PDB file of N, CA and C in Angstrom:
ATOM      1  N   UNK A   1     -27.452  12.718  -0.280  1.00  0.00           N
ATOM      2  CA  UNK A   1     -26.596  13.392   0.667  1.00  0.00           C
ATOM      3  C   UNK A   1     -25.848  12.352   1.497  1.00  0.00           C
ATOM      4  N   UNK A   2     -24.602  12.649   1.801  1.00  0.00           N
ATOM      5  CA  UNK A   2     -23.782  11.739   2.587  1.00  0.00           C
ATOM      6  C   UNK A   2     -23.791  12.164   4.050  1.00  0.00           C
ATOM      7  N   UNK A   3     -23.687  11.191   4.930  1.00  0.00           N
ATOM      8  CA  UNK A   3     -23.628  11.491   6.364  1.00  0.00           C
ATOM      9  C   UNK A   3     -22.327  12.219   6.669  1.00  0.00           C
ATOM     10  N   UNK A   4     -22.398  13.205   7.549  1.00  0.00           N
ATOM     11  CA  UNK A   4     -21.212  13.939   7.982  1.00  0.00           C
ATOM     12  C   UNK A   4     -21.016  13.714   9.471  1.00  0.00           C
ATOM     13  N   UNK A   5     -19.772  13.828   9.897  1.00  0.00           N
ATOM     14  CA  UNK A   5     -19.424  13.590  11.287  1.00  0.00           C
ATOM     15  C   UNK A   5     -18.630  14.772  11.807  1.00  0.00           C
ATOM     16  N   UNK A   6     -19.022  15.294  12.961  1.00  0.00           N
ATOM     17  CA  UNK A   6     -18.277  16.369  13.603  1.00  0.00           C
ATOM     18  C   UNK A   6     -17.625  15.799  14.856  1.00  0.00           C
ATOM     19  N   UNK A   7     -16.403  16.233  15.147  1.00  0.00           N
ATOM     20  CA  UNK A   7     -15.728  15.820  16.371  1.00  0.00           C
ATOM     21  C   UNK A   7     -15.032  17.013  17.001  1.00  0.00           C
ATOM     22  N   UNK A   8     -14.959  17.009  18.319  1.00  0.00           N
ATOM     23  CA  UNK A   8     -14.209  18.038  19.033  1.00  0.00           C
ATOM     24  C   UNK A   8     -12.760  17.624  19.233  1.00  0.00           C
ATOM     25  N   UNK A   9     -12.419  16.381  18.905  1.00  0.00           N
ATOM     26  CA  UNK A   9     -11.031  15.963  19.038  1.00  0.00           C
ATOM     27  C   UNK A   9     -10.861  14.469  19.076  1.00  0.00           C
ATOM     28  N   UNK A  10      -9.617  14.086  19.263  1.00  0.00           N
ATOM     29  CA  UNK A  10      -9.233  12.677  19.371  1.00  0.00           C
ATOM     30  C   UNK A  10      -8.828  12.420  20.815  1.00  0.00           C
ATOM     31  N   UNK A  11      -9.402  11.409  21.401  1.00  0.00           N
ATOM     32  CA  UNK A  11      -9.077  11.061  22.790  1.00  0.00           C
ATOM     33  C   UNK A  11      -7.905  10.096  22.852  1.00  0.00           C
ATOM     34  N   UNK A  12      -7.941   9.096  21.974  1.00  0.00           N
ATOM     35  CA  UNK A  12      -6.895   8.073  22.042  1.00  0.00           C
ATOM     36  C   UNK A  12      -6.740   7.395  20.693  1.00  0.00           C
ATOM     37  N   UNK A  13      -5.520   6.987  20.413  1.00  0.00           N
ATOM     38  CA  UNK A  13      -5.215   6.193  19.226  1.00  0.00           C
ATOM     39  C   UNK A  13      -4.593   4.897  19.719  1.00  0.00           C
ATOM     40  N   UNK A  14      -5.183   3.781  19.316  1.00  0.00           N
ATOM     41  CA  UNK A  14      -4.711   2.481  19.759  1.00  0.00           C
ATOM     42  C   UNK A  14      -4.270   1.670  18.543  1.00  0.00           C
ATOM     43  N   UNK A  15      -3.076   1.111  18.622  1.00  0.00           N
ATOM     44  CA  UNK A  15      -2.563   0.268  17.550  1.00  0.00           C
ATOM     45  C   UNK A  15      -2.541  -1.166  18.050  1.00  0.00           C
ATOM     46  N   UNK A  16      -3.164  -2.041  17.282  1.00  0.00           N
ATOM     47  CA  UNK A  16      -3.212  -3.457  17.636  1.00  0.00           C
ATOM     48  C   UNK A  16      -2.917  -4.254  16.381  1.00  0.00           C
ATOM     49  N   UNK A  17      -1.678  -4.727  16.277  1.00  0.00           N
ATOM     50  CA  UNK A  17      -1.274  -5.456  15.071  1.00  0.00           C
ATOM     51  C   UNK A  17      -1.278  -4.527  13.876  1.00  0.00           C
ATOM     52  N   UNK A  18      -2.109  -4.846  12.880  1.00  0.00           N
ATOM     53  CA  UNK A  18      -2.179  -4.028  11.669  1.00  0.00           C
ATOM     54  C   UNK A  18      -3.403  -3.114  11.651  1.00  0.00           C
ATOM     55  N   UNK A  19      -4.042  -2.959  12.801  1.00  0.00           N
ATOM     56  CA  UNK A  19      -5.250  -2.144  12.914  1.00  0.00           C
ATOM     57  C   UNK A  19      -4.989  -0.942  13.824  1.00  0.00           C
ATOM     58  N   UNK A  20      -5.451   0.233  13.378  1.00  0.00           N
ATOM     59  CA  UNK A  20      -5.344   1.458  14.179  1.00  0.00           C
ATOM     60  C   UNK A  20      -6.757   1.928  14.487  1.00  0.00           C
ATOM     61  N   UNK A  21      -7.027   2.131  15.767  1.00  0.00           N
ATOM     62  CA  UNK A  21      -8.341   2.631  16.200  1.00  0.00           C
ATOM     63  C   UNK A  21      -8.170   4.049  16.733  1.00  0.00           C
ATOM     64  N   UNK A  22      -8.986   4.971  16.220  1.00  0.00           N
ATOM     65  CA  UNK A  22      -8.932   6.371  16.617  1.00  0.00           C
ATOM     66  C   UNK A  22     -10.262   6.709  17.288  1.00  0.00           C
ATOM     67  N   UNK A  23     -10.216   6.997  18.592  1.00  0.00           N
ATOM     68  CA  UNK A  23     -11.425   7.324  19.342  1.00  0.00           C
ATOM     69  C   UNK A  23     -11.666   8.824  19.301  1.00  0.00           C
ATOM     70  N   UNK A  24     -12.824   9.211  18.746  1.00  0.00           N
ATOM     71  CA  UNK A  24     -13.216  10.604  18.649  1.00  0.00           C
ATOM     72  C   UNK A  24     -14.075  10.987  19.840  1.00  0.00           C
ATOM     73  N   UNK A  25     -13.980  12.241  20.250  1.00  0.00           N
ATOM     74  CA  UNK A  25     -14.765  12.729  21.383  1.00  0.00           C
ATOM     75  C   UNK A  25     -15.509  13.996  20.996  1.00  0.00           C
ATOM     76  N   UNK A  26     -16.574  14.252  21.737  1.00  0.00           N
ATOM     77  CA  UNK A  26     -17.335  15.487  21.628  1.00  0.00           C
ATOM     78  C   UNK A  26     -17.489  16.065  23.016  1.00  0.00           C
ATOM     79  N   UNK A  27     -17.676  17.377  23.079  1.00  0.00           N
ATOM     80  CA  UNK A  27     -17.930  18.014  24.366  1.00  0.00           C
ATOM     81  C   UNK A  27     -19.381  17.750  24.737  1.00  0.00           C
ATOM     82  N   UNK A  28     -19.589  17.261  25.955  1.00  0.00           N
ATOM     83  CA  UNK A  28     -20.926  16.901  26.411  1.00  0.00           C
ATOM     84  C   UNK A  28     -21.797  18.147  26.596  1.00  0.00           C
ATOM     85  N   UNK A  29     -23.028  18.092  26.125  1.00  0.00           N
ATOM     86  CA  UNK A  29     -23.929  19.219  26.351  1.00  0.00           C
ATOM     87  C   UNK A  29     -24.487  19.259  27.773  1.00  0.00           C
ATOM     88  N   UNK A  30     -24.323  18.138  28.514  1.00  0.00           N
ATOM     89  CA  UNK A  30     -24.913  18.073  29.852  1.00  0.00           C
ATOM     90  C   UNK A  30     -23.911  17.821  30.971  1.00  0.00           C
ATOM     91  N   UNK A  31     -22.837  17.086  30.695  1.00  0.00           N
ATOM     92  CA  UNK A  31     -21.871  16.736  31.737  1.00  0.00           C
ATOM     93  C   UNK A  31     -20.765  17.772  31.811  1.00  0.00           C
ATOM     94  N   UNK A  32     -20.409  18.158  33.054  1.00  0.00           N
ATOM     95  CA  UNK A  32     -19.353  19.144  33.271  1.00  0.00           C
ATOM     96  C   UNK A  32     -18.408  18.647  34.358  1.00  0.00           C
ATOM     97  N   UNK A  33     -17.141  19.109  34.296  1.00  0.00           N
ATOM     98  CA  UNK A  33     -16.170  18.721  35.304  1.00  0.00           C
ATOM     99  C   UNK A  33     -16.242  19.687  36.491  1.00  0.00           C
ATOM    100  N   UNK A  34     -15.324  19.547  37.438  1.00  0.00           N
ATOM    101  CA  UNK A  34     -15.322  20.378  38.652  1.00  0.00           C
ATOM    102  C   UNK A  34     -15.129  21.856  38.345  1.00  0.00           C
ATOM    103  N   UNK A  35     -14.518  22.180  37.207  1.00  0.00           N
ATOM    104  CA  UNK A  35     -14.310  23.578  36.815  1.00  0.00           C
ATOM    105  C   UNK A  35     -15.422  24.089  35.902  1.00  0.00           C
ATOM    106  N   UNK A  36     -16.514  23.344  35.807  1.00  0.00           N
ATOM    107  CA  UNK A  36     -17.673  23.681  34.982  1.00  0.00           C
ATOM    108  C   UNK A  36     -17.343  23.693  33.482  1.00  0.00           C
ATOM    109  N   UNK A  37     -16.342  22.926  33.094  1.00  0.00           N
ATOM    110  CA  UNK A  37     -15.967  22.785  31.684  1.00  0.00           C
ATOM    111  C   UNK A  37     -16.658  21.531  31.149  1.00  0.00           C
ATOM    112  N   UNK A  38     -17.250  21.607  29.957  1.00  0.00           N
ATOM    113  CA  UNK A  38     -17.905  20.408  29.415  1.00  0.00           C
ATOM    114  C   UNK A  38     -16.932  19.232  29.336  1.00  0.00           C
ATOM    115  N   UNK A  39     -17.412  18.049  29.745  1.00  0.00           N
ATOM    116  CA  UNK A  39     -16.582  16.844  29.695  1.00  0.00           C
ATOM    117  C   UNK A  39     -16.485  16.347  28.259  1.00  0.00           C
ATOM    118  N   UNK A  40     -15.325  15.769  27.961  1.00  0.00           N
ATOM    119  CA  UNK A  40     -15.112  15.122  26.672  1.00  0.00           C
ATOM    120  C   UNK A  40     -15.648  13.702  26.778  1.00  0.00           C
ATOM    121  N   UNK A  41     -16.572  13.346  25.900  1.00  0.00           N
ATOM    122  CA  UNK A  41     -17.169  12.012  25.938  1.00  0.00           C
ATOM    123  C   UNK A  41     -16.967  11.314  24.588  1.00  0.00           C
ATOM    124  N   UNK A  42     -16.748  10.019  24.646  1.00  0.00           N
ATOM    125  CA  UNK A  42     -16.567   9.212  23.439  1.00  0.00           C
ATOM    126  C   UNK A  42     -17.770   9.389  22.532  1.00  0.00           C
ATOM    127  N   UNK A  43     -17.511   9.569  21.224  1.00  0.00           N
ATOM    128  CA  UNK A  43     -18.627   9.706  20.286  1.00  0.00           C
ATOM    129  C   UNK A  43     -18.574   8.696  19.142  1.00  0.00           C
ATOM    130  N   UNK A  44     -17.387   8.462  18.577  1.00  0.00           N
ATOM    131  CA  UNK A  44     -17.248   7.560  17.446  1.00  0.00           C
ATOM    132  C   UNK A  44     -15.858   6.950  17.458  1.00  0.00           C
ATOM    133  N   UNK A  45     -15.696   5.879  16.712  1.00  0.00           N
ATOM    134  CA  UNK A  45     -14.370   5.274  16.542  1.00  0.00           C
ATOM    135  C   UNK A  45     -14.118   5.086  15.050  1.00  0.00           C
ATOM    136  N   UNK A  46     -12.940   5.523  14.623  1.00  0.00           N
ATOM    137  CA  UNK A  46     -12.490   5.267  13.259  1.00  0.00           C
ATOM    138  C   UNK A  46     -11.527   4.097  13.318  1.00  0.00           C
ATOM    139  N   UNK A  47     -11.663   3.164  12.384  1.00  0.00           N
ATOM    140  CA  UNK A  47     -10.786   2.000  12.355  1.00  0.00           C
ATOM    141  C   UNK A  47     -10.103   1.964  10.988  1.00  0.00           C
ATOM    142  N   UNK A  48      -8.764   1.959  11.027  1.00  0.00           N
ATOM    143  CA  UNK A  48      -7.948   1.999   9.819  1.00  0.00           C
ATOM    144  C   UNK A  48      -7.025   0.793   9.770  1.00  0.00           C
ATOM    145  N   UNK A  49      -6.594   0.448   8.570  1.00  0.00           N
ATOM    146  CA  UNK A  49      -5.420  -0.412   8.455  1.00  0.00           C
ATOM    147  C   UNK A  49      -4.230   0.509   8.730  1.00  0.00           C
ATOM    148  N   UNK A  50      -3.079  -0.045   9.080  1.00  0.00           N
ATOM    149  CA  UNK A  50      -1.894   0.775   9.342  1.00  0.00           C
ATOM    150  C   UNK A  50      -1.564   1.619   8.108  1.00  0.00           C
ATOM    151  N   UNK A  51      -1.646   1.014   6.942  1.00  0.00           N
ATOM    152  CA  UNK A  51      -1.325   1.729   5.707  1.00  0.00           C
ATOM    153  C   UNK A  51      -2.284   2.895   5.462  1.00  0.00           C
ATOM    154  N   UNK A  52      -3.581   2.669   5.622  1.00  0.00           N
ATOM    155  CA  UNK A  52      -4.530   3.760   5.379  1.00  0.00           C
ATOM    156  C   UNK A  52      -4.411   4.845   6.443  1.00  0.00           C
ATOM    157  N   UNK A  53      -4.068   4.475   7.671  1.00  0.00           N
ATOM    158  CA  UNK A  53      -3.838   5.479   8.713  1.00  0.00           C
ATOM    159  C   UNK A  53      -2.644   6.353   8.354  1.00  0.00           C
ATOM    160  N   UNK A  54      -1.545   5.715   7.917  1.00  0.00           N
ATOM    161  CA  UNK A  54      -0.354   6.477   7.528  1.00  0.00           C
ATOM    162  C   UNK A  54      -0.668   7.423   6.372  1.00  0.00           C
ATOM    163  N   UNK A  55      -1.432   6.968   5.394  1.00  0.00           N
ATOM    164  CA  UNK A  55      -1.828   7.832   4.280  1.00  0.00           C
ATOM    165  C   UNK A  55      -2.695   8.988   4.765  1.00  0.00           C
ATOM    166  N   UNK A  56      -3.596   8.715   5.704  1.00  0.00           N
ATOM    167  CA  UNK A  56      -4.469   9.757   6.243  1.00  0.00           C
ATOM    168  C   UNK A  56      -3.676  10.816   6.997  1.00  0.00           C
ATOM    169  N   UNK A  57      -2.679  10.389   7.750  1.00  0.00           N
ATOM    170  CA  UNK A  57      -1.824  11.335   8.473  1.00  0.00           C
ATOM    171  C   UNK A  57      -1.106  12.243   7.483  1.00  0.00           C
ATOM    172  N   UNK A  58      -0.634  11.678   6.384  1.00  0.00           N
ATOM    173  CA  UNK A  58       0.043  12.475   5.362  1.00  0.00           C
ATOM    174  C   UNK A  58      -0.898  13.534   4.789  1.00  0.00           C
ATOM    175  N   UNK A  59      -2.133  13.162   4.492  1.00  0.00           N
ATOM    176  CA  UNK A  59      -3.121  14.109   3.963  1.00  0.00           C
ATOM    177  C   UNK A  59      -3.403  15.204   4.996  1.00  0.00           C
ATOM    178  N   UNK A  60      -3.548  14.827   6.272  1.00  0.00           N
ATOM    179  CA  UNK A  60      -3.822  15.819   7.327  1.00  0.00           C
ATOM    180  C   UNK A  60      -2.640  16.770   7.522  1.00  0.00           C
ATOM    181  N   UNK A  61      -1.408  16.259   7.426  1.00  0.00           N
ATOM    182  CA  UNK A  61      -0.241  17.132   7.562  1.00  0.00           C
ATOM    183  C   UNK A  61      -0.201  18.162   6.444  1.00  0.00           C
ATOM    184  N   UNK A  62      -0.566  17.758   5.228  1.00  0.00           N
ATOM    185  CA  UNK A  62      -0.614  18.701   4.114  1.00  0.00           C
ATOM    186  C   UNK A  62      -1.714  19.741   4.329  1.00  0.00           C
ATOM    187  N   UNK A  63      -2.864  19.305   4.826  1.00  0.00           N
ATOM    188  CA  UNK A  63      -3.955  20.239   5.104  1.00  0.00           C
ATOM    189  C   UNK A  63      -3.549  21.216   6.203  1.00  0.00           C
ATOM    190  N   UNK A  64      -2.879  20.713   7.244  1.00  0.00           N
ATOM    191  CA  UNK A  64      -2.406  21.564   8.332  1.00  0.00           C
ATOM    192  C   UNK A  64      -1.422  22.605   7.813  1.00  0.00           C
ATOM    193  N   UNK A  65      -0.508  22.180   6.953  1.00  0.00           N
ATOM    194  CA  UNK A  65       0.454  23.135   6.404  1.00  0.00           C
ATOM    195  C   UNK A  65      -0.261  24.223   5.601  1.00  0.00           C
ATOM    196  N   UNK A  66      -1.315  23.862   4.893  1.00  0.00           N
ATOM    197  CA  UNK A  66      -2.115  24.848   4.174  1.00  0.00           C
ATOM    198  C   UNK A  66      -2.772  25.839   5.115  1.00  0.00           C
ATOM    199  N   UNK A  67      -3.257  25.360   6.262  1.00  0.00           N
ATOM    200  CA  UNK A  67      -3.865  26.251   7.262  1.00  0.00           C
ATOM    201  C   UNK A  67      -2.824  27.167   7.891  1.00  0.00           C
ATOM    202  N   UNK A  68      -1.637  26.636   8.149  1.00  0.00           N
ATOM    203  CA  UNK A  68      -0.542  27.455   8.689  1.00  0.00           C
ATOM    204  C   UNK A  68      -0.161  28.525   7.673  1.00  0.00           C
ATOM    205  N   UNK A  69      -0.004  28.132   6.413  1.00  0.00           N
ATOM    206  CA  UNK A  69       0.363  29.075   5.356  1.00  0.00           C
ATOM    207  C   UNK A  69      -0.689  30.170   5.187  1.00  0.00           C
ATOM    208  N   UNK A  70      -1.965  29.818   5.390  1.00  0.00           N
ATOM    209  CA  UNK A  70      -3.063  30.783   5.248  1.00  0.00           C
ATOM    210  C   UNK A  70      -3.234  31.642   6.498  1.00  0.00           C
ATOM    211  N   UNK A  71      -2.507  31.314   7.582  1.00  0.00           N
ATOM    212  CA  UNK A  71      -2.607  32.090   8.811  1.00  0.00           C
ATOM    213  C   UNK A  71      -3.784  31.723   9.695  1.00  0.00           C
ATOM    214  N   UNK A  72      -4.468  30.627   9.377  1.00  0.00           N
ATOM    215  CA  UNK A  72      -5.613  30.192  10.177  1.00  0.00           C
ATOM    216  C   UNK A  72      -5.163  29.615  11.511  1.00  0.00           C
ATOM    217  N   UNK A  73      -4.062  28.882  11.497  1.00  0.00           N
ATOM    218  CA  UNK A  73      -3.451  28.372  12.726  1.00  0.00           C
ATOM    219  C   UNK A  73      -1.991  28.796  12.721  1.00  0.00           C
ATOM    220  N   UNK A  74      -1.415  28.827  13.897  1.00  0.00           N
ATOM    221  CA  UNK A  74      -0.004  29.190  13.991  1.00  0.00           C
ATOM    222  C   UNK A  74       0.724  28.170  14.834  1.00  0.00           C
ATOM    223  N   UNK A  75       1.984  28.012  14.560  1.00  0.00           N
ATOM    224  CA  UNK A  75       2.795  27.081  15.336  1.00  0.00           C
ATOM    225  C   UNK A  75       3.114  27.719  16.676  1.00  0.00           C
ATOM    226  N   UNK A  76       3.100  26.901  17.718  1.00  0.00           N
ATOM    227  CA  UNK A  76       3.373  27.364  19.073  1.00  0.00           C
ATOM    228  C   UNK A  76       4.776  27.970  19.123  1.00  0.00           C
ATOM    229  N   UNK A  77       4.918  29.121  19.763  1.00  0.00           N
ATOM    230  CA  UNK A  77       6.204  29.810  19.811  1.00  0.00           C
ATOM    231  C   UNK A  77       7.287  28.969  20.463  1.00  0.00           C
ATOM    232  N   UNK A  78       6.947  28.181  21.481  1.00  0.00           N
ATOM    233  CA  UNK A  78       7.946  27.357  22.150  1.00  0.00           C
ATOM    234  C   UNK A  78       8.390  26.203  21.253  1.00  0.00           C
ATOM    235  N   UNK A  79       7.594  25.936  20.209  1.00  0.00           N
ATOM    236  CA  UNK A  79       7.903  24.880  19.227  1.00  0.00           C
ATOM    237  C   UNK A  79       8.324  23.583  19.888  1.00  0.00           C
ATOM    238  N   UNK A  80       7.513  23.153  20.876  1.00  0.00           N
ATOM    239  CA  UNK A  80       7.761  21.854  21.493  1.00  0.00           C
ATOM    240  C   UNK A  80       7.720  20.821  20.378  1.00  0.00           C
ATOM    241  N   UNK A  81       8.628  19.908  20.413  1.00  0.00           N
ATOM    242  CA  UNK A  81       8.688  18.932  19.331  1.00  0.00           C
ATOM    243  C   UNK A  81       8.286  17.560  19.832  1.00  0.00           C
ATOM    244  N   UNK A  82       7.370  16.940  19.107  1.00  0.00           N
ATOM    245  CA  UNK A  82       6.938  15.570  19.385  1.00  0.00           C
ATOM    246  C   UNK A  82       7.193  14.775  18.115  1.00  0.00           C
ATOM    247  N   UNK A  83       8.227  13.983  18.118  1.00  0.00           N
ATOM    248  CA  UNK A  83       8.605  13.186  16.945  1.00  0.00           C
ATOM    249  C   UNK A  83       8.785  14.076  15.718  1.00  0.00           C
ATOM    250  N   UNK A  84       9.357  15.265  15.916  1.00  0.00           N
ATOM    251  CA  UNK A  84       9.650  16.145  14.799  1.00  0.00           C
ATOM    252  C   UNK A  84       8.508  17.053  14.391  1.00  0.00           C
ATOM    253  N   UNK A  85       7.342  16.925  15.011  1.00  0.00           N
ATOM    254  CA  UNK A  85       6.204  17.771  14.641  1.00  0.00           C
ATOM    255  C   UNK A  85       5.970  18.826  15.705  1.00  0.00           C
ATOM    256  N   UNK A  86       5.894  20.081  15.295  1.00  0.00           N
ATOM    257  CA  UNK A  86       5.653  21.159  16.234  1.00  0.00           C
ATOM    258  C   UNK A  86       4.216  21.115  16.728  1.00  0.00           C
ATOM    259  N   UNK A  87       4.014  21.539  17.961  1.00  0.00           N
ATOM    260  CA  UNK A  87       2.677  21.654  18.515  1.00  0.00           C
ATOM    261  C   UNK A  87       1.999  22.832  17.834  1.00  0.00           C
ATOM    262  N   UNK A  88       0.761  22.653  17.420  1.00  0.00           N
ATOM    263  CA  UNK A  88       0.038  23.726  16.748  1.00  0.00           C
ATOM    264  C   UNK A  88      -1.152  24.120  17.602  1.00  0.00           C
ATOM    265  N   UNK A  89      -1.349  25.421  17.741  1.00  0.00           N
ATOM    266  CA  UNK A  89      -2.491  25.957  18.482  1.00  0.00           C
ATOM    267  C   UNK A  89      -3.372  26.751  17.535  1.00  0.00           C
ATOM    268  N   UNK A  90      -4.674  26.667  17.724  1.00  0.00           N
ATOM    269  CA  UNK A  90      -5.593  27.449  16.923  1.00  0.00           C
ATOM    270  C   UNK A  90      -5.457  28.910  17.335  1.00  0.00           C
ATOM    271  N   UNK A  91      -5.203  29.784  16.388  1.00  0.00           N
ATOM    272  CA  UNK A  91      -4.992  31.200  16.665  1.00  0.00           C
ATOM    273  C   UNK A  91      -6.248  31.853  17.240  1.00  0.00           C
ATOM    274  N   UNK A  92      -7.408  31.270  16.996  1.00  0.00           N
ATOM    275  CA  UNK A  92      -8.654  31.865  17.466  1.00  0.00           C
ATOM    276  C   UNK A  92      -9.174  31.228  18.743  1.00  0.00           C
ATOM    277  N   UNK A  93      -8.505  30.223  19.244  1.00  0.00           N
ATOM    278  CA  UNK A  93      -8.981  29.483  20.415  1.00  0.00           C
ATOM    279  C   UNK A  93      -8.818  30.302  21.681  1.00  0.00           C
ATOM    280  N   UNK A  94      -9.698  30.101  22.658  1.00  0.00           N
ATOM    281  CA  UNK A  94      -9.532  30.781  23.933  1.00  0.00           C
ATOM    282  C   UNK A  94      -8.239  30.329  24.606  1.00  0.00           C
ATOM    283  N   UNK A  95      -7.753  31.125  25.533  1.00  0.00           N
ATOM    284  CA  UNK A  95      -6.460  30.830  26.150  1.00  0.00           C
ATOM    285  C   UNK A  95      -6.557  29.850  27.303  1.00  0.00           C
ATOM    286  N   UNK A  96      -7.612  29.039  27.345  1.00  0.00           N
ATOM    287  CA  UNK A  96      -7.727  28.029  28.385  1.00  0.00           C
ATOM    288  C   UNK A  96      -6.789  26.884  28.084  1.00  0.00           C
ATOM    289  N   UNK A  97      -6.239  26.234  29.128  1.00  0.00           N
ATOM    290  CA  UNK A  97      -5.320  25.121  28.883  1.00  0.00           C
ATOM    291  C   UNK A  97      -6.030  23.990  28.162  1.00  0.00           C
ATOM    292  N   UNK A  98      -5.316  23.319  27.292  1.00  0.00           N
ATOM    293  CA  UNK A  98      -5.870  22.185  26.568  1.00  0.00           C
ATOM    294  C   UNK A  98      -5.280  20.892  27.110  1.00  0.00           C
ATOM    295  N   UNK A  99      -6.097  19.865  27.090  1.00  0.00           N
ATOM    296  CA  UNK A  99      -5.555  18.562  27.467  1.00  0.00           C
ATOM    297  C   UNK A  99      -4.756  18.036  26.300  1.00  0.00           C
ATOM    298  N   UNK A 100      -3.798  17.191  26.577  1.00  0.00           N
ATOM    299  CA  UNK A 100      -2.985  16.611  25.518  1.00  0.00           C
ATOM    300  C   UNK A 100      -3.672  15.376  24.988  1.00  0.00           C
ATOM    301  N   UNK A 101      -3.869  15.315  23.687  1.00  0.00           N
ATOM    302  CA  UNK A 101      -4.474  14.146  23.052  1.00  0.00           C
ATOM    303  C   UNK A 101      -3.382  13.117  22.816  1.00  0.00           C
ATOM    304  N   UNK A 102      -3.009  12.427  23.884  1.00  0.00           N
ATOM    305  CA  UNK A 102      -1.910  11.491  23.784  1.00  0.00           C
ATOM    306  C   UNK A 102      -2.363  10.134  24.262  1.00  0.00           C
ATOM    307  N   UNK A 103      -2.181   9.161  23.438  1.00  0.00           N
ATOM    308  CA  UNK A 103      -2.510   7.796  23.799  1.00  0.00           C
ATOM    309  C   UNK A 103      -1.401   7.224  24.667  1.00  0.00           C
ATOM    310  N   UNK A 104      -1.771   6.352  25.567  1.00  0.00           N
ATOM    311  CA  UNK A 104      -0.779   5.664  26.379  1.00  0.00           C
ATOM    312  C   UNK A 104       0.138   4.809  25.514  1.00  0.00           C
ATOM    313  N   UNK A 105      -0.291   4.518  24.280  1.00  0.00           N
ATOM    314  CA  UNK A 105       0.524   3.733  23.351  1.00  0.00           C
ATOM    315  C   UNK A 105       1.732   4.501  22.847  1.00  0.00           C
ATOM    316  N   UNK A 106       1.711   5.846  22.968  1.00  0.00           N
ATOM    317  CA  UNK A 106       2.763   6.662  22.385  1.00  0.00           C
ATOM    318  C   UNK A 106       3.501   7.490  23.413  1.00  0.00           C
ATOM    319  N   UNK A 107       3.448   7.133  24.663  1.00  0.00           N
ATOM    320  CA  UNK A 107       4.140   7.883  25.716  1.00  0.00           C
ATOM    321  C   UNK A 107       5.533   7.361  25.900  1.00  0.00           C
TER     322      UNK A 107
END
């Protein structure tokens, strides 16, 4: 059996030369913020070459399009555009505001 990894999201993506670091986060089972929402805490880091990161993004975009086509996720009605990509919201997610997973490297 192979090890599996679960993540609640990406906190930051850092590019340094030809290396891309993707910091994954999980919702803390014990720590909460002032609104009693579980805090996002660092859990793992993925490290890619620039080329393998670009290939991975391509695979994820194809998977996302499959989820959109299947109706599992829907594109945000306002269709905010970030570098040509529409913001996607999970159709089943609660209507609580989400933080933006944006690295300071890409602002």
